[in-house]
Amino acid sequence: MQSTRNQLIQLLAKNKEDYISGQALSEELNISRSAIWKHMKELEKDGYEIEAKSKRGYRIVSYPEKISENTVRWGLETKWLGKNVIHREVTSSTQIIAHNAAKEHKGHGTIVIADEQTSGRGRMNRDWHSKKGDGMWMSMILQPSLPPYLAPQLTLLTAVALAETIEELTGLTPSIKWPNDILFDNEKKCAGILTELQAEQDQIQYVIIGVGLNINQESKDWPEEVQQRATSLQIETGKQWSIKQIMQHFLKHFEILYDTYMQQGFLAVKTKWEAYGFKMGERITIRQLDRHRQAVFYGLADDGALLIKNDNGSVERLYSGEIDWFHKAD
């Protein structure tokens, strides 16, 4: 069920070249004209520019760039993802809010977005710098009918949707460093993905996928140690980007790929991922106890594990924590 305010935005958008009377809106939404006026004032607080003329009615003059529940939903080209939006101006972490929302049965496809995170985190509890206006800080609640061991495939799927979004909007082709980092040619990271789940032995109850994408930062915005390994879309392209636009495009790409995955399995994701794979077909360094060895990064296994081809021709599966991606191969 759409909120009254979202229905109001859609009615105004359909009549964007003309005015729509308060009476017509009142009848369509089954609320009083006084309530219509109050909703208009709330939309103006959200950044919508509303023009009102006596005897003619209302029309939207311009739409806001700011992030809110309403602005993200307006113009969102999805069927189920993001129809329920939880927005916070400042929060410790969107992951925490999403977990609580999932326990409160907010439902599949709910997204949590924030202007700023004070305790953003990536994998292994690493800090993620998430200041206001700098990037896309989001968590998605999913309830797939999958066994828990397949959850890592959703991380790979998310990385593909993010890479596709970046390529579509910027024209730059990023790489995905297995399993969850988005890099550019300079091997600097601009995005990360954190997947967490609640599950029973043979069934996922819910999955929370957190996405952090650096968008409008400049190098000086980070501590010196972060500058050596991080980048943003602005740094890479030399221009600022609309966070709302990127968010909406990402949600569209994710939904399409997720629906394909649930209907057809992992193969479509695997093929797309390998097209973006960092150091695919190159020699990489594998850490094992106190020694290093090298092999060719061969692709992804059907379960999402990383495949390497050893010098003797044998193919082997590897899992997280065993690869030194930036060690120079011999």
C-alpha atoms as a PDB file:
ATOM      1  CA  MET A   1       0.000   0.000   0.000  1.00  0.00           C
ATOM      2  CA  GLN A   2       1.461   3.341  -1.021  1.00  0.00           C
ATOM      3  CA  SER A   3       1.499   6.207   1.441  1.00  0.00           C
ATOM      4  CA  THR A   4      -0.858   9.126   0.834  1.00  0.00           C
ATOM      5  CA  ARG A   5       2.122  11.379   0.246  1.00  0.00           C
ATOM      6  CA  ASN A   6       3.607   9.102  -2.374  1.00  0.00           C
ATOM      7  CA  GLN A   7       0.249   8.864  -4.151  1.00  0.00           C
ATOM      8  CA  LEU A   8       0.062  12.664  -4.036  1.00  0.00           C
ATOM      9  CA  ILE A   9       3.495  12.981  -5.662  1.00  0.00           C
ATOM     10  CA  GLN A  10       2.463  10.582  -8.420  1.00  0.00           C
ATOM     11  CA  LEU A  11      -0.738  12.525  -9.130  1.00  0.00           C
ATOM     12  CA  LEU A  12       1.188  15.790  -9.321  1.00  0.00           C
ATOM     13  CA  ALA A  13       3.806  14.204 -11.568  1.00  0.00           C
ATOM     14  CA  LYS A  14       1.170  12.983 -14.025  1.00  0.00           C
ATOM     15  CA  ASN A  15      -0.042  16.580 -14.335  1.00  0.00           C
ATOM     16  CA  LYS A  16       3.398  18.217 -14.336  1.00  0.00           C
ATOM     17  CA  GLU A  17       2.584  20.431 -17.334  1.00  0.00           C
ATOM     18  CA  ASP A  18      -0.629  21.675 -15.754  1.00  0.00           C
ATOM     19  CA  TYR A  19      -2.244  22.297 -12.396  1.00  0.00           C
ATOM     20  CA  ILE A  20      -4.453  19.836 -10.548  1.00  0.00           C
ATOM     21  CA  SER A  21      -7.101  21.271  -8.272  1.00  0.00           C
ATOM     22  CA  GLY A  22      -7.243  20.713  -4.549  1.00  0.00           C
ATOM     23  CA  GLN A  23     -10.757  19.349  -4.996  1.00  0.00           C
ATOM     24  CA  ALA A  24      -9.602  16.776  -7.559  1.00  0.00           C
ATOM     25  CA  LEU A  25      -6.763  15.675  -5.275  1.00  0.00           C
ATOM     26  CA  SER A  26      -9.143  15.506  -2.327  1.00  0.00           C
ATOM     27  CA  GLU A  27     -11.546  13.254  -4.208  1.00  0.00           C
ATOM     28  CA  GLU A  28      -8.806  11.040  -5.635  1.00  0.00           C
ATOM     29  CA  LEU A  29      -7.115  10.483  -2.265  1.00  0.00           C
ATOM     30  CA  ASN A  30     -10.287  10.559  -0.169  1.00  0.00           C
ATOM     31  CA  ILE A  31      -8.902  13.154   2.247  1.00  0.00           C
ATOM     32  CA  SER A  32      -9.896  16.758   3.010  1.00  0.00           C
ATOM     33  CA  ARG A  33      -8.549  19.768   1.136  1.00  0.00           C
ATOM     34  CA  SER A  34      -7.028  20.906   4.429  1.00  0.00           C
ATOM     35  CA  ALA A  35      -5.109  17.601   4.604  1.00  0.00           C
ATOM     36  CA  ILE A  36      -3.950  18.136   1.017  1.00  0.00           C
ATOM     37  CA  TRP A  37      -2.539  21.540   1.992  1.00  0.00           C
ATOM     38  CA  LYS A  38      -0.700  20.013   4.992  1.00  0.00           C
ATOM     39  CA  HIS A  39       0.842  17.346   2.764  1.00  0.00           C
ATOM     40  CA  MET A  40       2.005  20.059   0.349  1.00  0.00           C
ATOM     41  CA  LYS A  41       3.797  21.816   3.191  1.00  0.00           C
ATOM     42  CA  GLU A  42       5.511  18.575   4.177  1.00  0.00           C
ATOM     43  CA  LEU A  43       6.623  18.039   0.583  1.00  0.00           C
ATOM     44  CA  GLU A  44       8.121  21.526   0.569  1.00  0.00           C
ATOM     45  CA  LYS A  45      10.091  20.611   3.706  1.00  0.00           C
ATOM     46  CA  ASP A  46      11.431  17.628   1.730  1.00  0.00           C
ATOM     47  CA  GLY A  47      12.679  20.023  -0.937  1.00  0.00           C
ATOM     48  CA  TYR A  48       9.882  19.836  -3.505  1.00  0.00           C
ATOM     49  CA  GLU A  49       9.063  23.183  -5.052  1.00  0.00           C
ATOM     50  CA  ILE A  50       5.267  23.374  -5.195  1.00  0.00           C
ATOM     51  CA  GLU A  51       3.405  26.134  -7.030  1.00  0.00           C
ATOM     52  CA  ALA A  52      -0.160  26.871  -5.889  1.00  0.00           C
ATOM     53  CA  LYS A  53      -2.555  29.147  -7.749  1.00  0.00           C
ATOM     54  CA  SER A  54      -6.036  30.181  -6.720  1.00  0.00           C
ATOM     55  CA  LYS A  55      -8.776  28.492  -8.796  1.00  0.00           C
ATOM     56  CA  ARG A  56      -6.176  26.390 -10.634  1.00  0.00           C
ATOM     57  CA  GLY A  57      -4.609  24.184  -7.975  1.00  0.00           C
ATOM     58  CA  TYR A  58      -1.115  22.771  -7.464  1.00  0.00           C
ATOM     59  CA  ARG A  59       1.827  21.609  -9.561  1.00  0.00           C
ATOM     60  CA  ILE A  60       5.389  20.481  -8.886  1.00  0.00           C
ATOM     61  CA  VAL A  61       7.955  22.915 -10.260  1.00  0.00           C
ATOM     62  CA  SER A  62      11.086  21.007  -9.265  1.00  0.00           C
ATOM     63  CA  TYR A  63      12.137  17.877  -7.421  1.00  0.00           C
ATOM     64  CA  PRO A  64      14.688  17.759  -4.586  1.00  0.00           C
ATOM     65  CA  GLU A  65      18.102  16.148  -4.693  1.00  0.00           C
ATOM     66  CA  LYS A  66      18.058  15.449  -0.959  1.00  0.00           C
ATOM     67  CA  ILE A  67      17.556  11.887   0.202  1.00  0.00           C
ATOM     68  CA  SER A  68      14.323  11.008   1.990  1.00  0.00           C
ATOM     69  CA  GLU A  69      11.703   8.280   1.965  1.00  0.00           C
ATOM     70  CA  ASN A  70       9.624  10.203  -0.565  1.00  0.00           C
ATOM     71  CA  THR A  71      12.381  11.387  -2.882  1.00  0.00           C
ATOM     72  CA  VAL A  72      13.913   7.921  -3.213  1.00  0.00           C
ATOM     73  CA  ARG A  73      10.562   6.318  -4.018  1.00  0.00           C
ATOM     74  CA  TRP A  74       9.641   8.956  -6.574  1.00  0.00           C
ATOM     75  CA  GLY A  75      11.117   7.911  -9.922  1.00  0.00           C
ATOM     76  CA  LEU A  76      12.186   4.494  -8.631  1.00  0.00           C
ATOM     77  CA  GLU A  77      11.803   1.931 -11.436  1.00  0.00           C
ATOM     78  CA  THR A  78      11.383  -1.208  -9.338  1.00  0.00           C
ATOM     79  CA  LYS A  79       8.505  -3.571  -8.640  1.00  0.00           C
ATOM     80  CA  TRP A  80       9.250  -4.537  -5.032  1.00  0.00           C
ATOM     81  CA  LEU A  81      12.665  -3.277  -3.944  1.00  0.00           C
ATOM     82  CA  GLY A  82      12.613   0.051  -2.108  1.00  0.00           C
ATOM     83  CA  LYS A  83       8.851   0.410  -1.956  1.00  0.00           C
ATOM     84  CA  ASN A  84       9.281   0.558   1.815  1.00  0.00           C
ATOM     85  CA  VAL A  85      12.034   3.027   2.791  1.00  0.00           C
ATOM     86  CA  ILE A  86      13.402   3.802   6.245  1.00  0.00           C
ATOM     87  CA  HIS A  87      15.444   7.010   6.256  1.00  0.00           C
ATOM     88  CA  ARG A  88      17.671   8.476   8.963  1.00  0.00           C
ATOM     89  CA  GLU A  89      19.584  11.715   8.709  1.00  0.00           C
ATOM     90  CA  VAL A  90      22.217  10.347  11.108  1.00  0.00           C
ATOM     91  CA  THR A  91      22.581   6.824  12.461  1.00  0.00           C
ATOM     92  CA  SER A  92      25.336   4.651  13.839  1.00  0.00           C
ATOM     93  CA  SER A  93      24.848   2.065  11.086  1.00  0.00           C
ATOM     94  CA  THR A  94      22.103   1.237   8.594  1.00  0.00           C
ATOM     95  CA  GLN A  95      22.861  -2.448   9.263  1.00  0.00           C
ATOM     96  CA  ILE A  96      21.688  -2.139  12.871  1.00  0.00           C
ATOM     97  CA  ILE A  97      18.442  -0.432  11.874  1.00  0.00           C
ATOM     98  CA  ALA A  98      17.850  -3.019   9.153  1.00  0.00           C
ATOM     99  CA  HIS A  99      18.306  -5.928  11.563  1.00  0.00           C
ATOM    100  CA  ASN A 100      15.795  -4.380  13.954  1.00  0.00           C
ATOM    101  CA  ALA A 101      13.382  -3.676  11.098  1.00  0.00           C
ATOM    102  CA  ALA A 102      13.637  -7.278   9.876  1.00  0.00           C
ATOM    103  CA  LYS A 103      12.833  -8.555  13.379  1.00  0.00           C
ATOM    104  CA  GLU A 104       9.797  -6.250  13.349  1.00  0.00           C
ATOM    105  CA  HIS A 105       8.674  -7.891  10.068  1.00  0.00           C
ATOM    106  CA  LYS A 106       9.110  -4.804   7.886  1.00  0.00           C
ATOM    107  CA  GLY A 107       9.395  -7.172   4.991  1.00  0.00           C
ATOM    108  CA  HIS A 108      11.301  -8.265   1.911  1.00  0.00           C
ATOM    109  CA  GLY A 109      12.608  -5.369  -0.178  1.00  0.00           C
ATOM    110  CA  THR A 110      12.670  -2.807   2.634  1.00  0.00           C
ATOM    111  CA  ILE A 111      15.693  -0.523   2.402  1.00  0.00           C
ATOM    112  CA  VAL A 112      17.354   1.557   5.084  1.00  0.00           C
ATOM    113  CA  ILE A 113      19.203   4.688   3.967  1.00  0.00           C
ATOM    114  CA  ALA A 114      21.122   7.327   5.877  1.00  0.00           C
ATOM    115  CA  ASP A 115      22.629  10.706   5.094  1.00  0.00           C
ATOM    116  CA  GLU A 116      25.436   9.908   7.510  1.00  0.00           C
ATOM    117  CA  GLN A 117      26.702   6.957   9.556  1.00  0.00           C
ATOM    118  CA  THR A 118      28.704   7.587  12.696  1.00  0.00           C
ATOM    119  CA  SER A 119      29.883   3.968  13.018  1.00  0.00           C
ATOM    120  CA  GLY A 120      29.782   2.629   9.479  1.00  0.00           C
ATOM    121  CA  ARG A 121      31.551  -0.681   9.136  1.00  0.00           C
ATOM    122  CA  GLY A 122      32.697  -3.112   6.509  1.00  0.00           C
ATOM    123  CA  ARG A 123      33.777  -6.727   6.685  1.00  0.00           C
ATOM    124  CA  MET A 124      35.765  -7.828   9.742  1.00  0.00           C
ATOM    125  CA  ASN A 125      34.424  -4.749  11.593  1.00  0.00           C
ATOM    126  CA  ARG A 126      36.645  -2.358   9.652  1.00  0.00           C
ATOM    127  CA  ASP A 127      35.578   1.296   9.877  1.00  0.00           C
ATOM    128  CA  TRP A 128      33.850   2.880   6.877  1.00  0.00           C
ATOM    129  CA  HIS A 129      33.903   6.674   6.605  1.00  0.00           C
ATOM    130  CA  SER A 130      30.301   7.697   5.894  1.00  0.00           C
ATOM    131  CA  LYS A 131      29.784  11.456   6.107  1.00  0.00           C
ATOM    132  CA  LYS A 132      26.715  13.407   5.035  1.00  0.00           C
ATOM    133  CA  GLY A 133      26.455  14.096   1.312  1.00  0.00           C
ATOM    134  CA  ASP A 134      29.516  12.006   0.511  1.00  0.00           C
ATOM    135  CA  GLY A 135      28.064   8.686  -0.547  1.00  0.00           C
ATOM    136  CA  MET A 136      25.368   6.041  -0.630  1.00  0.00           C
ATOM    137  CA  TRP A 137      24.936   4.375   2.741  1.00  0.00           C
ATOM    138  CA  MET A 138      22.255   1.698   2.465  1.00  0.00           C
ATOM    139  CA  SER A 139      21.094  -1.656   3.787  1.00  0.00           C
ATOM    140  CA  MET A 140      18.544  -3.944   2.117  1.00  0.00           C
ATOM    141  CA  ILE A 141      16.324  -6.526   3.798  1.00  0.00           C
ATOM    142  CA  LEU A 142      15.832  -9.677   1.738  1.00  0.00           C
ATOM    143  CA  GLN A 143      13.959 -12.888   2.516  1.00  0.00           C
ATOM    144  CA  PRO A 144      15.062 -15.349  -0.169  1.00  0.00           C
ATOM    145  CA  SER A 145      13.981 -18.981  -0.136  1.00  0.00           C
ATOM    146  CA  LEU A 146      17.559 -20.220  -0.014  1.00  0.00           C
ATOM    147  CA  PRO A 147      19.684 -22.417   2.236  1.00  0.00           C
ATOM    148  CA  PRO A 148      22.196 -20.419   4.316  1.00  0.00           C
ATOM    149  CA  TYR A 149      25.253 -21.764   2.491  1.00  0.00           C
ATOM    150  CA  LEU A 150      24.182 -19.887  -0.662  1.00  0.00           C
ATOM    151  CA  ALA A 151      24.106 -16.471   1.051  1.00  0.00           C
ATOM    152  CA  PRO A 152      27.635 -15.547  -0.199  1.00  0.00           C
ATOM    153  CA  GLN A 153      26.226 -15.620  -3.740  1.00  0.00           C
ATOM    154  CA  LEU A 154      24.092 -12.596  -2.803  1.00  0.00           C
ATOM    155  CA  THR A 155      27.267 -10.653  -2.019  1.00  0.00           C
ATOM    156  CA  LEU A 156      28.604 -11.424  -5.500  1.00  0.00           C
ATOM    157  CA  LEU A 157      25.250 -10.481  -7.019  1.00  0.00           C
ATOM    158  CA  THR A 158      25.274  -7.135  -5.195  1.00  0.00           C
ATOM    159  CA  ALA A 159      28.784  -6.400  -6.432  1.00  0.00           C
ATOM    160  CA  VAL A 160      27.688  -6.993 -10.029  1.00  0.00           C
ATOM    161  CA  ALA A 161      24.666  -4.678  -9.650  1.00  0.00           C
ATOM    162  CA  LEU A 162      26.926  -1.987  -8.195  1.00  0.00           C
ATOM    163  CA  ALA A 163      29.521  -2.365 -10.962  1.00  0.00           C
ATOM    164  CA  GLU A 164      26.793  -2.211 -13.622  1.00  0.00           C
ATOM    165  CA  THR A 165      25.381   0.959 -12.051  1.00  0.00           C
ATOM    166  CA  ILE A 166      28.767   2.678 -11.974  1.00  0.00           C
ATOM    167  CA  GLU A 167      29.531   1.699 -15.559  1.00  0.00           C
ATOM    168  CA  GLU A 168      26.113   2.820 -16.826  1.00  0.00           C
ATOM    169  CA  LEU A 169      26.246   6.251 -15.176  1.00  0.00           C
ATOM    170  CA  THR A 170      29.944   7.161 -15.386  1.00  0.00           C
ATOM    171  CA  GLY A 171      31.154   5.254 -18.450  1.00  0.00           C
ATOM    172  CA  LEU A 172      34.012   3.844 -16.362  1.00  0.00           C
ATOM    173  CA  THR A 173      34.386   0.095 -15.948  1.00  0.00           C
ATOM    174  CA  PRO A 174      35.262  -0.853 -12.362  1.00  0.00           C
ATOM    175  CA  SER A 175      36.629  -4.168 -11.153  1.00  0.00           C
ATOM    176  CA  ILE A 176      35.253  -6.427  -8.437  1.00  0.00           C
ATOM    177  CA  LYS A 177      37.849  -7.754  -6.019  1.00  0.00           C
ATOM    178  CA  TRP A 178      36.515 -11.042  -4.747  1.00  0.00           C
ATOM    179  CA  PRO A 179      34.205 -11.195  -3.030  1.00  0.00           C
ATOM    180  CA  ASN A 180      32.903  -7.712  -2.267  1.00  0.00           C
ATOM    181  CA  ASP A 181      35.062  -4.672  -3.112  1.00  0.00           C
ATOM    182  CA  ILE A 182      34.683  -2.335  -6.090  1.00  0.00           C
ATOM    183  CA  LEU A 183      37.987  -0.974  -7.406  1.00  0.00           C
ATOM    184  CA  PHE A 184      39.130   1.288 -10.207  1.00  0.00           C
ATOM    185  CA  ASP A 185      42.204   0.931 -12.427  1.00  0.00           C
ATOM    186  CA  ASN A 186      44.380   2.555  -9.761  1.00  0.00           C
ATOM    187  CA  GLU A 187      43.441  -0.376  -7.476  1.00  0.00           C
ATOM    188  CA  LYS A 188      41.763   2.011  -5.048  1.00  0.00           C
ATOM    189  CA  LYS A 189      38.482   1.019  -3.429  1.00  0.00           C
ATOM    190  CA  CYS A 190      35.281   3.011  -3.914  1.00  0.00           C
ATOM    191  CA  ALA A 191      32.672   0.603  -2.557  1.00  0.00           C
ATOM    192  CA  GLY A 192      32.218  -2.315  -0.216  1.00  0.00           C
ATOM    193  CA  ILE A 193      29.471  -4.776   0.625  1.00  0.00           C
ATOM    194  CA  LEU A 194      28.606  -6.366   3.970  1.00  0.00           C
ATOM    195  CA  THR A 195      26.249  -9.363   4.021  1.00  0.00           C
ATOM    196  CA  GLU A 196      24.787 -10.610   7.308  1.00  0.00           C
ATOM    197  CA  LEU A 197      22.023 -13.122   7.879  1.00  0.00           C
ATOM    198  CA  GLN A 198      19.688 -14.713  10.371  1.00  0.00           C
ATOM    199  CA  ALA A 199      19.032 -18.342   9.545  1.00  0.00           C
ATOM    200  CA  GLU A 200      17.880 -21.717  10.740  1.00  0.00           C
ATOM    201  CA  GLN A 201      19.776 -24.853   9.810  1.00  0.00           C
ATOM    202  CA  ASP A 202      18.321 -25.198   6.313  1.00  0.00           C
ATOM    203  CA  GLN A 203      16.549 -21.903   5.631  1.00  0.00           C
ATOM    204  CA  ILE A 204      17.450 -18.211   5.617  1.00  0.00           C
ATOM    205  CA  GLN A 205      15.072 -16.122   7.715  1.00  0.00           C
ATOM    206  CA  TYR A 206      16.419 -12.851   6.360  1.00  0.00           C
ATOM    207  CA  VAL A 207      19.544 -11.364   4.838  1.00  0.00           C
ATOM    208  CA  ILE A 208      20.802  -7.822   5.391  1.00  0.00           C
ATOM    209  CA  ILE A 209      23.049  -6.527   2.611  1.00  0.00           C
ATOM    210  CA  GLY A 210      24.859  -3.290   3.401  1.00  0.00           C
ATOM    211  CA  VAL A 211      26.317  -1.183   0.607  1.00  0.00           C
ATOM    212  CA  GLY A 212      28.712   1.715   1.037  1.00  0.00           C
ATOM    213  CA  LEU A 213      29.625   3.646  -2.109  1.00  0.00           C
ATOM    214  CA  ASN A 214      31.964   6.648  -2.062  1.00  0.00           C
ATOM    215  CA  ILE A 215      30.459   9.250  -4.379  1.00  0.00           C
ATOM    216  CA  ASN A 216      31.351  12.890  -3.753  1.00  0.00           C
ATOM    217  CA  GLN A 217      34.453  12.747  -1.550  1.00  0.00           C
ATOM    218  CA  GLU A 218      37.718  14.464  -2.353  1.00  0.00           C
ATOM    219  CA  SER A 219      41.003  12.936  -1.183  1.00  0.00           C
ATOM    220  CA  LYS A 220      41.399  15.598   1.500  1.00  0.00           C
ATOM    221  CA  ASP A 221      38.174  14.368   3.132  1.00  0.00           C
ATOM    222  CA  TRP A 222      39.912  11.223   4.391  1.00  0.00           C
ATOM    223  CA  PRO A 223      42.791  10.599   6.799  1.00  0.00           C
ATOM    224  CA  GLU A 224      46.126  10.161   5.034  1.00  0.00           C
ATOM    225  CA  GLU A 225      46.198   6.373   5.520  1.00  0.00           C
ATOM    226  CA  VAL A 226      42.760   6.079   3.892  1.00  0.00           C
ATOM    227  CA  GLN A 227      43.774   8.277   0.941  1.00  0.00           C
ATOM    228  CA  GLN A 228      46.287   5.617  -0.099  1.00  0.00           C
ATOM    229  CA  ARG A 229      43.606   2.983  -0.663  1.00  0.00           C
ATOM    230  CA  ALA A 230      40.272   4.797  -1.202  1.00  0.00           C
ATOM    231  CA  THR A 231      38.690   6.697  -4.064  1.00  0.00           C
ATOM    232  CA  SER A 232      35.269   8.078  -5.033  1.00  0.00           C
ATOM    233  CA  LEU A 233      33.238   8.621  -8.183  1.00  0.00           C
ATOM    234  CA  GLN A 234      34.041  12.329  -7.991  1.00  0.00           C
ATOM    235  CA  ILE A 235      37.778  11.680  -7.805  1.00  0.00           C
ATOM    236  CA  GLU A 236      37.599   9.258 -10.738  1.00  0.00           C
ATOM    237  CA  THR A 237      35.370  11.391 -12.987  1.00  0.00           C
ATOM    238  CA  GLY A 238      36.109  14.955 -11.874  1.00  0.00           C
ATOM    239  CA  LYS A 239      32.436  15.745 -11.263  1.00  0.00           C
ATOM    240  CA  GLN A 240      29.857  15.554  -8.503  1.00  0.00           C
ATOM    241  CA  TRP A 241      27.030  13.033  -8.708  1.00  0.00           C
ATOM    242  CA  SER A 242      23.424  12.817  -7.540  1.00  0.00           C
ATOM    243  CA  ILE A 243      23.292  10.316  -4.697  1.00  0.00           C
ATOM    244  CA  LYS A 244      19.566   9.840  -5.269  1.00  0.00           C
ATOM    245  CA  GLN A 245      20.067   9.036  -8.969  1.00  0.00           C
ATOM    246  CA  ILE A 246      22.818   6.507  -8.248  1.00  0.00           C
ATOM    247  CA  MET A 247      20.722   4.890  -5.513  1.00  0.00           C
ATOM    248  CA  GLN A 248      17.707   4.513  -7.792  1.00  0.00           C
ATOM    249  CA  HIS A 249      19.767   3.056 -10.642  1.00  0.00           C
ATOM    250  CA  PHE A 250      21.455   0.619  -8.280  1.00  0.00           C
ATOM    251  CA  LEU A 251      18.124  -0.595  -6.869  1.00  0.00           C
ATOM    252  CA  LYS A 252      16.845  -1.144 -10.412  1.00  0.00           C
ATOM    253  CA  HIS A 253      19.934  -3.163 -11.425  1.00  0.00           C
ATOM    254  CA  PHE A 254      19.846  -5.167  -8.205  1.00  0.00           C
ATOM    255  CA  GLU A 255      16.171  -6.094  -8.522  1.00  0.00           C
ATOM    256  CA  ILE A 256      16.557  -7.268 -12.124  1.00  0.00           C
ATOM    257  CA  LEU A 257      19.601  -9.393 -11.302  1.00  0.00           C
ATOM    258  CA  TYR A 258      18.074 -10.754  -8.078  1.00  0.00           C
ATOM    259  CA  ASP A 259      14.888 -11.837  -9.851  1.00  0.00           C
ATOM    260  CA  THR A 260      16.957 -13.523 -12.579  1.00  0.00           C
ATOM    261  CA  TYR A 261      19.066 -15.279  -9.947  1.00  0.00           C
ATOM    262  CA  MET A 262      16.026 -16.556  -8.028  1.00  0.00           C
ATOM    263  CA  GLN A 263      14.470 -17.890 -11.246  1.00  0.00           C
ATOM    264  CA  GLN A 264      17.534 -19.230 -13.072  1.00  0.00           C
ATOM    265  CA  GLY A 265      20.244 -19.766 -10.471  1.00  0.00           C
ATOM    266  CA  PHE A 266      23.791 -18.505 -10.047  1.00  0.00           C
ATOM    267  CA  LEU A 267      25.124 -18.924 -13.603  1.00  0.00           C
ATOM    268  CA  ALA A 268      23.963 -15.489 -14.851  1.00  0.00           C
ATOM    269  CA  VAL A 269      25.543 -13.795 -11.848  1.00  0.00           C
ATOM    270  CA  LYS A 270      28.753 -15.823 -12.179  1.00  0.00           C
ATOM    271  CA  THR A 271      29.173 -14.861 -15.852  1.00  0.00           C
ATOM    272  CA  LYS A 272      28.620 -11.164 -15.174  1.00  0.00           C
ATOM    273  CA  TRP A 273      30.886 -11.210 -12.116  1.00  0.00           C
ATOM    274  CA  GLU A 274      33.744 -12.805 -14.026  1.00  0.00           C
ATOM    275  CA  ALA A 275      33.508 -10.041 -16.652  1.00  0.00           C
ATOM    276  CA  TYR A 276      34.327  -7.520 -13.891  1.00  0.00           C
ATOM    277  CA  GLY A 277      36.640  -9.781 -11.868  1.00  0.00           C
ATOM    278  CA  PHE A 278      39.812  -8.147 -10.550  1.00  0.00           C
ATOM    279  CA  LYS A 279      42.910  -9.992 -11.820  1.00  0.00           C
ATOM    280  CA  MET A 280      40.844 -12.589 -13.669  1.00  0.00           C
ATOM    281  CA  GLY A 281      43.225 -14.742 -15.718  1.00  0.00           C
ATOM    282  CA  GLU A 282      46.261 -13.313 -13.909  1.00  0.00           C
ATOM    283  CA  ARG A 283      48.670 -14.873 -11.449  1.00  0.00           C
ATOM    284  CA  ILE A 284      47.801 -14.133  -7.826  1.00  0.00           C
ATOM    285  CA  THR A 285      49.558 -14.887  -4.563  1.00  0.00           C
ATOM    286  CA  ILE A 286      48.030 -17.336  -2.075  1.00  0.00           C
ATOM    287  CA  ARG A 287      49.038 -17.364   1.584  1.00  0.00           C
ATOM    288  CA  GLN A 288      49.252 -20.758   3.274  1.00  0.00           C
ATOM    289  CA  LEU A 289      50.629 -20.861   6.799  1.00  0.00           C
ATOM    290  CA  ASP A 290      54.166 -19.446   6.590  1.00  0.00           C
ATOM    291  CA  ARG A 291      54.655 -19.703   2.842  1.00  0.00           C
ATOM    292  CA  HIS A 292      53.369 -18.048  -0.322  1.00  0.00           C
ATOM    293  CA  ARG A 293      52.619 -19.683  -3.626  1.00  0.00           C
ATOM    294  CA  GLN A 294      51.189 -18.428  -6.909  1.00  0.00           C
ATOM    295  CA  ALA A 295      48.481 -19.606  -9.282  1.00  0.00           C
ATOM    296  CA  VAL A 296      46.195 -18.212 -11.972  1.00  0.00           C
ATOM    297  CA  PHE A 297      42.824 -16.749 -10.909  1.00  0.00           C
ATOM    298  CA  TYR A 298      40.597 -19.041 -12.955  1.00  0.00           C
ATOM    299  CA  GLY A 299      37.075 -17.811 -12.129  1.00  0.00           C
ATOM    300  CA  LEU A 300      34.228 -18.543  -9.713  1.00  0.00           C
ATOM    301  CA  ALA A 301      32.971 -21.909  -8.566  1.00  0.00           C
ATOM    302  CA  ASP A 302      29.243 -22.685  -8.614  1.00  0.00           C
ATOM    303  CA  ASP A 303      28.993 -21.837  -4.900  1.00  0.00           C
ATOM    304  CA  GLY A 304      30.806 -18.504  -5.349  1.00  0.00           C
ATOM    305  CA  ALA A 305      34.198 -19.706  -4.123  1.00  0.00           C
ATOM    306  CA  LEU A 306      37.288 -18.508  -5.981  1.00  0.00           C
ATOM    307  CA  LEU A 307      38.925 -20.946  -8.395  1.00  0.00           C
ATOM    308  CA  ILE A 308      42.662 -21.034  -9.024  1.00  0.00           C
ATOM    309  CA  LYS A 309      44.599 -23.049 -11.570  1.00  0.00           C
ATOM    310  CA  ASN A 310      47.878 -24.386 -10.239  1.00  0.00           C
ATOM    311  CA  ASP A 311      51.028 -24.761 -12.314  1.00  0.00           C
ATOM    312  CA  ASN A 312      50.402 -28.517 -12.576  1.00  0.00           C
ATOM    313  CA  GLY A 313      47.032 -27.838 -14.220  1.00  0.00           C
ATOM    314  CA  SER A 314      44.855 -28.768 -11.232  1.00  0.00           C
ATOM    315  CA  VAL A 315      41.932 -26.465 -10.312  1.00  0.00           C
ATOM    316  CA  GLU A 316      41.359 -25.644  -6.654  1.00  0.00           C
ATOM    317  CA  ARG A 317      38.743 -23.758  -4.625  1.00  0.00           C
ATOM    318  CA  LEU A 318      39.795 -21.020  -2.220  1.00  0.00           C
ATOM    319  CA  TYR A 319      37.904 -19.065   0.387  1.00  0.00           C
ATOM    320  CA  SER A 320      38.258 -15.635   1.968  1.00  0.00           C
ATOM    321  CA  GLY A 321      41.440 -14.709   3.780  1.00  0.00           C
ATOM    322  CA  GLU A 322      43.819 -16.829   1.725  1.00  0.00           C
ATOM    323  CA  ILE A 323      44.651 -14.423  -1.105  1.00  0.00           C
ATOM    324  CA  ASP A 324      47.182 -11.592  -1.114  1.00  0.00           C
ATOM    325  CA  TRP A 325      45.707  -9.533  -3.945  1.00  0.00           C
ATOM    326  CA  PHE A 326      48.321  -6.804  -4.007  1.00  0.00           C
ATOM    327  CA  HIS A 327      51.439  -8.937  -3.670  1.00  0.00           C
ATOM    328  CA  LYS A 328      53.324  -8.648  -6.953  1.00  0.00           C
ATOM    329  CA  ALA A 329      53.278 -11.965  -8.751  1.00  0.00           C
ATOM    330  CA  ASP A 330      56.580 -13.278 -10.100  1.00  0.00           C
END
